[in-house]
Amino acid sequence: MPDFDTSVPHIARVYDYWLGGKDNFAADRAMGERTLQAYPNLVFSVRANRAFLARTVRFLVGTAGIRQFLDIGTGIPTANNTHQVAQHIAPETRIVYVDNDPVVLSHAQALLRSSPEGACAYIDADLRDPDAILAGAAKTLDFSQPVAVMLIAVMHFVGDDAEASTIMNRLMGGCVPGSYVALSHAASDIDADQMAEMVRRLNESTAEKTTLRDRAGVTRLFAGLDLVEPGVIRAAEWRPDTDLEAASPAALWAGVAREP
């Protein structure tokens, strides 16, 4: 039996349902449907978020030359996980995944199927404890070399702006110049009314509360870092592969920045 209450929806499993996955329970599916009723375009957002992850990893490995990733708020494994995209380009890439959900933990082995040349590790830790994350990741990653920190659709679970900035500063402070951070975040100023109602319904039942931020608020999270072109933009519009991909009505702000 699982050591968690399956009658309470969890955001990682609801997200899995939105993506069309099978690692969810009745409560997660009910919450997934309830939020989709409030904001039908939500499916476009979660798909655009996964596509943003893949594009940023390709950029970071192929263009920026990054060979180490710290992926926080990993979620349940699906297609095009960070290590799969990265090691397809550079098999020697090393990846550390971080999450604190027991369902994600139970699937960790799927995240650890590294290429022989590289490495994958999994840490059971919380975003709000960046020191523990950095200490655990140092067993696999060499923090004397650049690291890419992936914060994909996770910072909106930190409601306090000061705490969110502190987490960003601590994580990037633990990385050398030339490191990067990629971040996507649910938007308060795209489809504002529908997004607000969707989040209200979500927060009624999930332990991890979501806080929407506008473009300026998401941009402030990158303070002190050098934003990569095109800056903070809709996730679907960050270096899209096709015009169709760019046209996705996704309510997410996203950006990539470099530690100077």
Protein backbone atom coordinates (compact mmCIF):
# COMPACT_ATOMS: atom_id res chain seq x y z
CA MET A 1 0.00 0.00 0.00
CA PRO A 2 1.25 3.53 -0.71
CA ASP A 3 2.32 5.57 2.31
CA PHE A 4 0.20 8.56 1.32
CA ASP A 5 -3.51 9.36 1.14
CA THR A 6 -4.76 8.67 -2.37
CA SER A 7 -8.05 10.42 -1.56
CA VAL A 8 -6.20 13.77 -1.48
CA PRO A 9 -5.12 15.10 -4.87
CA HIS A 10 -1.42 15.87 -5.30
CA ILE A 11 -0.18 18.37 -7.85
CA ALA A 12 2.40 15.99 -9.36
CA ARG A 13 -0.30 13.40 -10.04
CA VAL A 14 -2.82 16.01 -11.26
CA TYR A 15 -0.14 17.28 -13.64
CA ASP A 16 0.39 13.71 -14.82
CA TYR A 17 -3.34 13.48 -15.54
CA TRP A 18 -3.29 16.75 -17.50
CA LEU A 19 -0.47 15.32 -19.61
CA GLY A 20 -2.48 12.17 -20.30
CA GLY A 21 -0.43 9.95 -17.99
CA LYS A 22 -1.58 6.97 -15.95
CA ASP A 23 0.18 7.59 -12.63
CA ASN A 24 -2.77 9.22 -10.88
CA PHE A 25 -5.75 8.32 -8.70
CA ALA A 26 -9.46 9.13 -8.76
CA ALA A 27 -9.03 12.24 -6.60
CA ASP A 28 -6.31 13.54 -8.93
CA ARG A 29 -8.47 12.92 -12.00
CA ALA A 30 -11.46 14.66 -10.40
CA MET A 31 -9.32 17.68 -9.56
CA GLY A 32 -7.82 17.60 -13.04
CA GLU A 33 -11.28 17.75 -14.61
CA ARG A 34 -12.48 20.45 -12.20
CA THR A 35 -9.57 22.72 -13.08
CA LEU A 36 -9.92 22.02 -16.80
CA GLN A 37 -13.54 23.15 -16.59
CA ALA A 38 -12.34 26.48 -15.24
CA TYR A 39 -9.54 26.82 -17.79
CA PRO A 40 -9.82 24.49 -20.81
CA ASN A 41 -6.52 25.80 -22.28
CA LEU A 42 -4.68 24.33 -19.31
CA VAL A 43 -3.79 21.28 -21.38
CA PHE A 44 -1.96 23.56 -23.81
CA SER A 45 -0.01 25.06 -20.90
CA VAL A 46 1.25 21.74 -19.53
CA ARG A 47 2.25 20.54 -22.99
CA ALA A 48 3.97 23.84 -23.78
CA ASN A 49 5.79 23.55 -20.47
CA ARG A 50 7.22 20.14 -21.40
CA ALA A 51 8.21 21.47 -24.82
CA PHE A 52 9.95 24.45 -23.16
CA LEU A 53 11.89 22.04 -20.96
CA ALA A 54 13.14 20.11 -23.98
CA ARG A 55 14.09 23.24 -25.94
CA THR A 56 15.97 24.77 -23.03
CA VAL A 57 17.91 21.57 -22.37
CA ARG A 58 18.88 21.39 -26.04
CA PHE A 59 20.02 25.02 -25.89
CA LEU A 60 21.94 24.55 -22.66
CA VAL A 61 23.75 21.42 -23.86
CA GLY A 62 24.12 22.21 -27.55
CA THR A 63 24.75 25.97 -27.49
CA ALA A 64 25.86 26.85 -23.95
CA GLY A 65 27.97 23.71 -23.48
CA ILE A 66 26.43 22.73 -20.13
CA ARG A 67 27.12 19.17 -18.99
CA GLN A 68 25.50 19.23 -15.53
CA PHE A 69 21.84 19.71 -14.58
CA LEU A 70 20.04 20.17 -11.27
CA ASP A 71 16.34 19.57 -12.02
CA ILE A 72 14.17 20.64 -9.06
CA GLY A 73 10.48 19.74 -8.88
CA THR A 74 10.98 16.94 -11.35
CA GLY A 75 7.47 15.51 -11.33
CA ILE A 76 6.43 12.06 -12.50
CA PRO A 77 8.64 10.86 -15.38
CA THR A 78 7.18 11.32 -18.85
CA ALA A 79 8.60 11.71 -22.36
CA ASN A 80 11.68 13.88 -22.91
CA ASN A 81 12.94 14.01 -19.34
CA THR A 82 15.99 16.20 -18.81
CA HIS A 83 18.54 13.38 -18.91
CA GLN A 84 17.05 11.89 -22.06
CA VAL A 85 17.25 15.17 -23.97
CA ALA A 86 20.67 16.11 -22.60
CA GLN A 87 22.38 12.74 -22.98
CA HIS A 88 21.04 12.34 -26.51
CA ILE A 89 23.28 15.30 -27.40
CA ALA A 90 26.11 14.75 -24.90
CA PRO A 91 26.09 11.27 -23.30
CA GLU A 92 28.55 12.38 -20.60
CA THR A 93 26.01 14.81 -19.07
CA ARG A 94 25.31 14.41 -15.35
CA ILE A 95 21.82 15.07 -13.92
CA VAL A 96 20.43 15.30 -10.40
CA TYR A 97 16.65 15.22 -10.01
CA VAL A 98 14.94 16.65 -6.92
CA ASP A 99 11.38 16.16 -5.70
CA ASN A 100 9.56 15.48 -2.44
CA ASP A 101 6.53 13.53 -3.63
CA PRO A 102 6.35 9.79 -2.77
CA VAL A 103 4.85 8.94 -6.16
CA VAL A 104 7.74 10.65 -7.92
CA LEU A 105 10.14 8.85 -5.59
CA SER A 106 8.56 5.51 -6.51
CA HIS A 107 9.30 6.27 -10.17
CA ALA A 108 12.84 7.48 -9.51
CA GLN A 109 14.39 4.43 -11.14
CA ALA A 110 12.98 5.59 -14.46
CA LEU A 111 14.91 8.83 -13.95
CA LEU A 112 18.15 7.03 -13.19
CA ARG A 113 18.62 5.23 -16.50
CA SER A 114 21.69 7.19 -17.43
CA SER A 115 23.95 6.64 -20.39
CA PRO A 116 27.11 4.75 -19.37
CA GLU A 117 29.20 7.88 -19.91
CA GLY A 118 27.05 10.15 -17.74
CA ALA A 119 25.24 9.93 -14.41
CA CYS A 120 21.76 10.39 -12.93
CA ALA A 121 20.83 10.74 -9.27
CA TYR A 122 17.65 11.48 -7.34
CA ILE A 123 17.30 13.52 -4.13
CA ASP A 124 14.18 13.47 -1.94
CA ALA A 125 14.19 17.14 -0.87
CA ASP A 126 12.09 20.30 -0.83
CA LEU A 127 12.59 23.39 -2.98
CA ARG A 128 12.40 25.47 0.20
CA ASP A 129 15.62 23.87 1.50
CA PRO A 130 18.16 24.89 -1.15
CA ASP A 131 21.14 24.17 1.11
CA ALA A 132 20.10 20.53 1.46
CA ILE A 133 19.57 20.32 -2.30
CA LEU A 134 23.02 21.73 -3.07
CA ALA A 135 24.69 19.46 -0.51
CA GLY A 136 22.97 16.37 -1.88
CA ALA A 137 23.63 17.30 -5.50
CA ALA A 138 27.33 17.80 -4.79
CA LYS A 139 27.66 14.03 -4.47
CA THR A 140 27.00 13.76 -8.21
CA LEU A 141 27.68 17.21 -9.67
CA ASP A 142 30.95 19.19 -9.62
CA PHE A 143 29.97 22.68 -8.48
CA SER A 144 33.38 24.03 -9.49
CA GLN A 145 32.03 23.70 -13.05
CA PRO A 146 28.89 25.31 -14.55
CA VAL A 147 25.51 23.78 -13.69
CA ALA A 148 22.08 24.41 -15.19
CA VAL A 149 19.34 24.68 -12.55
CA MET A 150 15.93 23.70 -13.93
CA LEU A 151 12.94 25.25 -12.14
CA ILE A 152 10.17 24.16 -14.48
CA ALA A 153 6.67 25.07 -13.21
CA VAL A 154 7.75 24.85 -9.56
CA MET A 155 8.45 28.39 -8.25
CA HIS A 156 4.74 29.20 -8.25
CA PHE A 157 4.46 26.88 -5.24
CA VAL A 158 6.44 29.46 -3.25
CA GLY A 159 3.89 32.16 -2.50
CA ASP A 160 6.08 34.69 -0.72
CA ASP A 161 8.09 36.84 -3.14
CA ALA A 162 10.95 37.37 -0.69
CA GLU A 163 11.24 33.64 -0.03
CA ALA A 164 11.16 32.89 -3.75
CA SER A 165 13.97 35.38 -4.37
CA THR A 166 15.98 33.96 -1.49
CA ILE A 167 15.67 30.45 -2.92
CA MET A 168 16.80 31.64 -6.35
CA ASN A 169 19.72 33.57 -4.87
CA ARG A 170 20.86 30.63 -2.74
CA LEU A 171 20.64 28.12 -5.56
CA MET A 172 22.48 30.32 -8.04
CA GLY A 173 24.91 31.46 -5.35
CA GLY A 174 25.98 27.84 -5.06
CA CYS A 175 26.85 27.74 -8.77
CA VAL A 176 29.91 29.20 -10.47
CA PRO A 177 29.76 31.99 -13.09
CA GLY A 178 28.70 30.55 -16.43
CA SER A 179 25.96 28.50 -14.81
CA TYR A 180 22.36 28.89 -15.96
CA VAL A 181 18.82 28.72 -14.64
CA ALA A 182 15.71 27.87 -16.68
CA LEU A 183 12.35 28.78 -15.15
CA SER A 184 8.70 28.59 -16.14
CA HIS A 185 5.89 29.99 -14.01
CA ALA A 186 2.09 30.12 -14.11
CA ALA A 187 0.90 33.57 -15.22
CA SER A 188 -1.56 35.89 -13.52
CA ASP A 189 -1.78 38.24 -16.52
CA ILE A 190 -2.57 35.77 -19.32
CA ASP A 191 -6.23 34.69 -19.45
CA ALA A 192 -6.35 36.27 -16.00
CA ASP A 193 -9.92 35.48 -14.91
CA GLN A 194 -9.84 31.84 -16.04
CA MET A 195 -6.40 31.27 -14.54
CA ALA A 196 -7.48 32.79 -11.22
CA GLU A 197 -10.53 30.51 -11.04
CA MET A 198 -8.48 27.47 -12.03
CA VAL A 199 -5.96 28.15 -9.26
CA ARG A 200 -8.73 28.83 -6.73
CA ARG A 201 -10.18 25.38 -7.44
CA LEU A 202 -6.75 23.77 -7.35
CA ASN A 203 -5.81 25.36 -4.04
CA GLU A 204 -9.04 24.17 -2.40
CA SER A 205 -7.80 20.59 -2.34
CA THR A 206 -4.03 20.38 -2.85
CA ALA A 207 -1.45 20.77 -0.10
CA GLU A 208 0.96 22.64 -2.38
CA LYS A 209 -0.68 26.02 -2.99
CA THR A 210 -0.15 27.80 -6.30
CA THR A 211 0.56 31.53 -6.52
CA LEU A 212 0.28 33.20 -9.92
CA ARG A 213 2.72 35.98 -10.86
CA ASP A 214 2.66 38.50 -13.68
CA ARG A 215 5.46 38.97 -16.17
CA ALA A 216 7.16 41.61 -14.05
CA GLY A 217 7.00 39.37 -10.98
CA VAL A 218 8.55 36.45 -12.85
CA THR A 219 11.22 38.73 -14.30
CA ARG A 220 12.19 39.86 -10.78
CA LEU A 221 13.05 36.26 -9.92
CA PHE A 222 15.98 36.58 -12.36
CA ALA A 223 17.44 39.61 -10.54
CA GLY A 224 21.24 39.70 -10.74
CA LEU A 225 21.37 37.26 -13.65
CA ASP A 226 21.86 37.88 -17.38
CA LEU A 227 18.71 36.90 -19.26
CA VAL A 228 19.22 34.97 -22.49
CA GLU A 229 17.33 36.32 -25.51
CA PRO A 230 14.37 36.65 -25.90
CA GLY A 231 14.09 37.29 -22.14
CA VAL A 232 10.99 36.50 -20.12
CA ILE A 233 8.30 35.56 -22.60
CA ARG A 234 5.40 33.16 -22.97
CA ALA A 235 6.82 29.67 -22.63
CA ALA A 236 5.60 28.67 -26.09
CA GLU A 237 7.43 31.65 -27.62
CA TRP A 238 10.84 30.92 -26.10
CA ARG A 239 12.87 29.86 -29.16
CA PRO A 240 10.07 27.70 -30.61
CA ASP A 241 10.82 25.03 -33.17
CA THR A 242 7.75 25.83 -35.29
CA ASP A 243 5.16 28.56 -35.74
CA LEU A 244 2.52 26.11 -34.54
CA GLU A 245 4.44 25.52 -31.32
CA ALA A 246 4.80 29.28 -30.79
CA ALA A 247 1.05 29.78 -31.22
CA SER A 248 0.12 27.63 -28.22
CA PRO A 249 -2.23 29.54 -25.87
CA ALA A 250 -0.13 28.64 -22.81
CA ALA A 251 -0.51 30.78 -19.69
CA LEU A 252 3.11 30.50 -18.58
CA TRP A 253 5.96 32.98 -18.42
CA ALA A 254 9.40 31.50 -18.97
CA GLY A 255 13.03 32.46 -19.33
CA VAL A 256 16.63 31.32 -19.16
CA ALA A 257 19.41 33.30 -17.51
CA ARG A 258 23.18 33.03 -17.00
CA GLU A 259 25.13 33.54 -13.78
CA PRO A 260 27.55 36.37 -14.67
